[in-house]
Amino acid sequence: MKHFDAIIIGTGQAGPSLAGRFSAAGKTVAVIERHKFGGTCVNTGCIPTKTMVASAYAAHIARIRFQRTRRCVCRYETRQGSPILKVWKRDHWDS
């Protein structure tokens, strides 16, 4: 049976840094995670939500700008998981 100086349950915000501190102090550490490393914030909560809100805001601004001027064409796409908003002047798009 293995013995550990510390057992950390969950890899949320504090788990990995706490494990690193114990390890740097020469302690043996076991980390237990039942699902995805990083916890809720990284995988389904804070970070994905902030990305979705920023993308929605960019699309909203593009629509408003188009509705006010009718002089640009907007296209929203993602590349490697990062949102990209492309805006062209209408005369450039038509040519």
N, C-alpha and C. Protein backbone atom coordinates (compact mmCIF):
# COMPACT_ATOMS: atom_id res chain seq x y z
N MET A 1 0.84 -1.18 0.00
CA MET A 1 0.00 0.00 0.00
C MET A 1 0.89 1.24 0.00
N LYS A 2 0.57 2.19 -0.86
CA LYS A 2 1.34 3.43 -0.91
C LYS A 2 0.85 4.41 0.14
N HIS A 3 1.78 5.18 0.64
CA HIS A 3 1.45 6.21 1.63
C HIS A 3 1.81 7.58 1.05
N PHE A 4 0.94 8.54 1.26
CA PHE A 4 1.14 9.90 0.76
C PHE A 4 1.11 10.87 1.93
N ASP A 5 1.88 11.95 1.79
CA ASP A 5 1.84 13.01 2.79
C ASP A 5 0.59 13.87 2.63
N ALA A 6 0.09 13.98 1.39
CA ALA A 6 -1.10 14.78 1.12
C ALA A 6 -1.91 14.13 0.01
N ILE A 7 -3.22 14.18 0.14
CA ILE A 7 -4.13 13.72 -0.90
C ILE A 7 -5.02 14.90 -1.25
N ILE A 8 -5.00 15.28 -2.51
CA ILE A 8 -5.80 16.43 -2.97
C ILE A 8 -6.94 15.89 -3.80
N ILE A 9 -8.15 16.24 -3.40
CA ILE A 9 -9.34 15.78 -4.10
C ILE A 9 -9.85 16.92 -4.97
N GLY A 10 -9.81 16.71 -6.27
CA GLY A 10 -10.30 17.71 -7.22
C GLY A 10 -9.17 18.57 -7.78
N THR A 11 -9.29 18.87 -9.06
CA THR A 11 -8.28 19.70 -9.72
C THR A 11 -8.88 21.01 -10.19
N GLY A 12 -9.64 21.63 -9.32
CA GLY A 12 -10.20 22.94 -9.63
C GLY A 12 -9.12 24.01 -9.57
N GLN A 13 -9.47 25.20 -9.14
CA GLN A 13 -8.54 26.31 -9.14
C GLN A 13 -7.35 26.08 -8.21
N ALA A 14 -7.55 25.52 -7.05
CA ALA A 14 -6.47 25.40 -6.06
C ALA A 14 -5.74 24.07 -6.13
N GLY A 15 -6.35 23.03 -6.66
CA GLY A 15 -5.76 21.70 -6.62
C GLY A 15 -4.36 21.59 -7.21
N PRO A 16 -4.17 21.94 -8.48
CA PRO A 16 -2.83 21.78 -9.09
C PRO A 16 -1.75 22.64 -8.42
N SER A 17 -2.07 23.87 -8.05
CA SER A 17 -1.05 24.71 -7.41
C SER A 17 -0.71 24.20 -6.02
N LEU A 18 -1.70 23.68 -5.31
CA LEU A 18 -1.45 23.11 -3.99
C LEU A 18 -0.57 21.86 -4.11
N ALA A 19 -0.85 21.02 -5.10
CA ALA A 19 -0.03 19.83 -5.33
C ALA A 19 1.41 20.23 -5.66
N GLY A 20 1.58 21.28 -6.45
CA GLY A 20 2.92 21.76 -6.78
C GLY A 20 3.68 22.25 -5.56
N ARG A 21 2.99 22.94 -4.67
CA ARG A 21 3.65 23.44 -3.45
C ARG A 21 4.08 22.30 -2.54
N PHE A 22 3.19 21.32 -2.38
CA PHE A 22 3.55 20.16 -1.56
C PHE A 22 4.74 19.41 -2.17
N SER A 23 4.70 19.22 -3.47
CA SER A 23 5.76 18.51 -4.16
C SER A 23 7.09 19.25 -4.05
N ALA A 24 7.06 20.58 -4.18
CA ALA A 24 8.27 21.40 -4.05
C ALA A 24 8.84 21.31 -2.64
N ALA A 25 7.98 21.07 -1.66
CA ALA A 25 8.43 20.95 -0.27
C ALA A 25 8.92 19.54 0.05
N GLY A 26 8.95 18.68 -0.98
CA GLY A 26 9.46 17.32 -0.77
C GLY A 26 8.42 16.33 -0.28
N LYS A 27 7.17 16.68 -0.32
CA LYS A 27 6.10 15.78 0.13
C LYS A 27 5.62 14.91 -1.02
N THR A 28 5.12 13.74 -0.71
CA THR A 28 4.51 12.90 -1.73
C THR A 28 3.03 13.24 -1.79
N VAL A 29 2.52 13.40 -3.01
CA VAL A 29 1.15 13.90 -3.20
C VAL A 29 0.38 12.98 -4.14
N ALA A 30 -0.86 12.72 -3.81
CA ALA A 30 -1.79 12.02 -4.69
C ALA A 30 -2.91 13.00 -5.05
N VAL A 31 -3.24 13.07 -6.33
CA VAL A 31 -4.33 13.94 -6.79
C VAL A 31 -5.43 13.05 -7.34
N ILE A 32 -6.64 13.28 -6.87
CA ILE A 32 -7.79 12.48 -7.29
C ILE A 32 -8.77 13.40 -8.03
N GLU A 33 -9.12 13.01 -9.25
CA GLU A 33 -10.08 13.77 -10.05
C GLU A 33 -11.02 12.78 -10.70
N ARG A 34 -12.31 12.97 -10.55
CA ARG A 34 -13.25 11.99 -11.09
C ARG A 34 -13.62 12.22 -12.54
N HIS A 35 -13.39 13.43 -13.06
CA HIS A 35 -13.82 13.68 -14.44
C HIS A 35 -12.70 14.33 -15.24
N LYS A 36 -12.79 15.62 -15.49
CA LYS A 36 -11.80 16.31 -16.31
C LYS A 36 -10.86 17.14 -15.45
N PHE A 37 -9.59 17.09 -15.79
CA PHE A 37 -8.59 17.89 -15.08
C PHE A 37 -8.90 19.37 -15.29
N GLY A 38 -8.88 20.15 -14.23
CA GLY A 38 -9.15 21.58 -14.32
C GLY A 38 -10.45 21.98 -13.67
N GLY A 39 -11.33 21.04 -13.45
CA GLY A 39 -12.58 21.35 -12.77
C GLY A 39 -13.60 22.05 -13.66
N THR A 40 -14.64 22.54 -13.03
CA THR A 40 -15.76 23.15 -13.73
C THR A 40 -15.37 24.44 -14.43
N CYS A 41 -14.59 25.29 -13.78
CA CYS A 41 -14.27 26.61 -14.34
C CYS A 41 -13.59 26.50 -15.70
N VAL A 42 -12.60 25.65 -15.79
CA VAL A 42 -11.84 25.54 -17.04
C VAL A 42 -12.64 24.82 -18.12
N ASN A 43 -13.38 23.79 -17.76
CA ASN A 43 -14.01 22.92 -18.75
C ASN A 43 -15.42 23.32 -19.16
N THR A 44 -16.24 23.77 -18.25
CA THR A 44 -17.63 24.08 -18.62
C THR A 44 -18.14 25.39 -18.05
N GLY A 45 -17.41 26.01 -17.16
CA GLY A 45 -17.92 27.19 -16.47
C GLY A 45 -17.37 28.49 -16.98
N CYS A 46 -16.50 29.09 -16.20
CA CYS A 46 -16.03 30.47 -16.41
C CYS A 46 -15.44 30.72 -17.78
N ILE A 47 -14.42 29.97 -18.16
CA ILE A 47 -13.69 30.26 -19.40
C ILE A 47 -14.56 30.04 -20.63
N PRO A 48 -15.24 28.90 -20.80
CA PRO A 48 -16.11 28.75 -21.97
C PRO A 48 -17.23 29.79 -22.00
N THR A 49 -17.76 30.13 -20.83
CA THR A 49 -18.84 31.13 -20.78
C THR A 49 -18.32 32.50 -21.22
N LYS A 50 -17.13 32.89 -20.75
CA LYS A 50 -16.57 34.18 -21.16
C LYS A 50 -16.31 34.22 -22.65
N THR A 51 -15.86 33.11 -23.23
CA THR A 51 -15.63 33.04 -24.67
C THR A 51 -16.95 33.20 -25.42
N MET A 52 -18.00 32.53 -24.95
CA MET A 52 -19.29 32.63 -25.60
C MET A 52 -19.85 34.05 -25.51
N VAL A 53 -19.72 34.69 -24.35
CA VAL A 53 -20.21 36.06 -24.18
C VAL A 53 -19.44 37.03 -25.08
N ALA A 54 -18.12 36.87 -25.16
CA ALA A 54 -17.31 37.75 -26.03
C ALA A 54 -17.68 37.56 -27.49
N SER A 55 -17.92 36.33 -27.90
CA SER A 55 -18.31 36.06 -29.28
C SER A 55 -19.68 36.66 -29.60
N ALA A 56 -20.61 36.51 -28.67
CA ALA A 56 -21.95 37.08 -28.87
C ALA A 56 -21.88 38.60 -28.94
N TYR A 57 -21.04 39.21 -28.12
CA TYR A 57 -20.89 40.67 -28.14
C TYR A 57 -20.31 41.13 -29.48
N ALA A 58 -19.30 40.43 -29.99
CA ALA A 58 -18.70 40.79 -31.28
C ALA A 58 -19.73 40.68 -32.40
N ALA A 59 -20.53 39.62 -32.39
CA ALA A 59 -21.57 39.46 -33.42
C ALA A 59 -22.62 40.56 -33.29
N HIS A 60 -22.98 40.92 -32.07
CA HIS A 60 -23.96 41.97 -31.83
C HIS A 60 -23.46 43.31 -32.38
N ILE A 61 -22.22 43.67 -32.09
CA ILE A 61 -21.64 44.92 -32.58
C ILE A 61 -21.61 44.93 -34.11
N ALA A 62 -21.24 43.80 -34.72
CA ALA A 62 -21.20 43.73 -36.18
C ALA A 62 -22.58 43.93 -36.78
N ARG A 63 -23.60 43.31 -36.18
CA ARG A 63 -24.96 43.48 -36.70
C ARG A 63 -25.43 44.93 -36.59
N ILE A 64 -25.16 45.54 -35.44
CA ILE A 64 -25.57 46.94 -35.24
C ILE A 64 -24.87 47.83 -36.26
N ARG A 65 -23.58 47.63 -36.44
CA ARG A 65 -22.82 48.45 -37.39
C ARG A 65 -23.37 48.27 -38.80
N PHE A 66 -23.70 47.03 -39.16
CA PHE A 66 -24.26 46.78 -40.49
C PHE A 66 -25.63 47.43 -40.64
N GLN A 67 -26.48 47.30 -39.61
CA GLN A 67 -27.82 47.87 -39.69
C GLN A 67 -27.79 49.39 -39.79
N ARG A 68 -26.81 50.01 -39.14
CA ARG A 68 -26.73 51.47 -39.17
C ARG A 68 -26.16 51.99 -40.48
N THR A 69 -25.19 51.30 -41.04
CA THR A 69 -24.52 51.84 -42.22
C THR A 69 -24.90 51.15 -43.51
N ARG A 70 -25.26 49.90 -43.44
CA ARG A 70 -25.54 49.07 -44.62
C ARG A 70 -24.38 49.10 -45.61
N ARG A 71 -23.18 49.39 -45.09
CA ARG A 71 -22.02 49.49 -45.96
C ARG A 71 -20.99 48.41 -45.70
N CYS A 72 -21.30 47.50 -44.83
CA CYS A 72 -20.31 46.45 -44.59
C CYS A 72 -21.00 45.09 -44.56
N VAL A 73 -20.21 44.08 -44.83
CA VAL A 73 -20.68 42.70 -44.77
C VAL A 73 -19.84 42.00 -43.71
N CYS A 74 -20.49 41.29 -42.82
CA CYS A 74 -19.80 40.67 -41.70
C CYS A 74 -19.93 39.15 -41.80
N ARG A 75 -18.87 38.49 -41.42
CA ARG A 75 -18.90 37.03 -41.36
C ARG A 75 -18.18 36.60 -40.09
N TYR A 76 -18.80 35.70 -39.37
CA TYR A 76 -18.25 35.20 -38.11
C TYR A 76 -17.79 33.77 -38.34
N GLU A 77 -16.59 33.45 -37.90
CA GLU A 77 -16.09 32.09 -38.03
C GLU A 77 -15.15 31.79 -36.86
N THR A 78 -14.80 30.54 -36.71
CA THR A 78 -13.83 30.17 -35.69
C THR A 78 -12.68 29.44 -36.36
N ARG A 79 -11.49 29.69 -35.85
CA ARG A 79 -10.29 28.98 -36.32
C ARG A 79 -9.54 28.49 -35.10
N GLN A 80 -9.34 27.20 -35.04
CA GLN A 80 -8.65 26.56 -33.93
C GLN A 80 -9.28 26.95 -32.59
N GLY A 81 -10.60 27.07 -32.56
CA GLY A 81 -11.32 27.36 -31.34
C GLY A 81 -11.39 28.83 -30.97
N SER A 82 -10.75 29.71 -31.76
CA SER A 82 -10.78 31.14 -31.45
C SER A 82 -11.77 31.85 -32.36
N PRO A 83 -12.63 32.71 -31.79
CA PRO A 83 -13.59 33.41 -32.62
C PRO A 83 -12.92 34.49 -33.47
N ILE A 84 -13.36 34.61 -34.71
CA ILE A 84 -12.85 35.63 -35.62
C ILE A 84 -14.05 36.31 -36.26
N LEU A 85 -14.06 37.61 -36.25
CA LEU A 85 -15.12 38.37 -36.89
C LEU A 85 -14.50 39.15 -38.04
N LYS A 86 -14.94 38.87 -39.27
CA LYS A 86 -14.41 39.56 -40.44
C LYS A 86 -15.46 40.55 -40.93
N VAL A 87 -15.00 41.76 -41.20
CA VAL A 87 -15.90 42.81 -41.67
C VAL A 87 -15.28 43.42 -42.93
N TRP A 88 -16.05 43.45 -44.01
CA TRP A 88 -15.60 44.06 -45.26
C TRP A 88 -16.51 45.21 -45.64
N LYS A 89 -15.94 46.19 -46.32
CA LYS A 89 -16.78 47.22 -46.90
C LYS A 89 -17.55 46.57 -48.05
N ARG A 90 -18.76 47.01 -48.27
CA ARG A 90 -19.61 46.38 -49.27
C ARG A 90 -18.97 46.42 -50.66
N ASP A 91 -18.33 47.49 -51.04
CA ASP A 91 -17.75 47.56 -52.38
C ASP A 91 -16.61 46.55 -52.56
N HIS A 92 -15.88 46.27 -51.49
CA HIS A 92 -14.82 45.25 -51.56
C HIS A 92 -15.43 43.86 -51.69
N TRP A 93 -16.52 43.61 -50.98
CA TRP A 93 -17.18 42.30 -51.01
C TRP A 93 -17.76 42.01 -52.37
N ASP A 94 -18.38 43.00 -53.00
CA ASP A 94 -19.04 42.80 -54.29
C ASP A 94 -18.06 42.57 -55.43
N SER A 95 -16.83 43.06 -55.29
CA SER A 95 -15.88 42.94 -56.40
C SER A 95 -15.22 41.59 -56.45
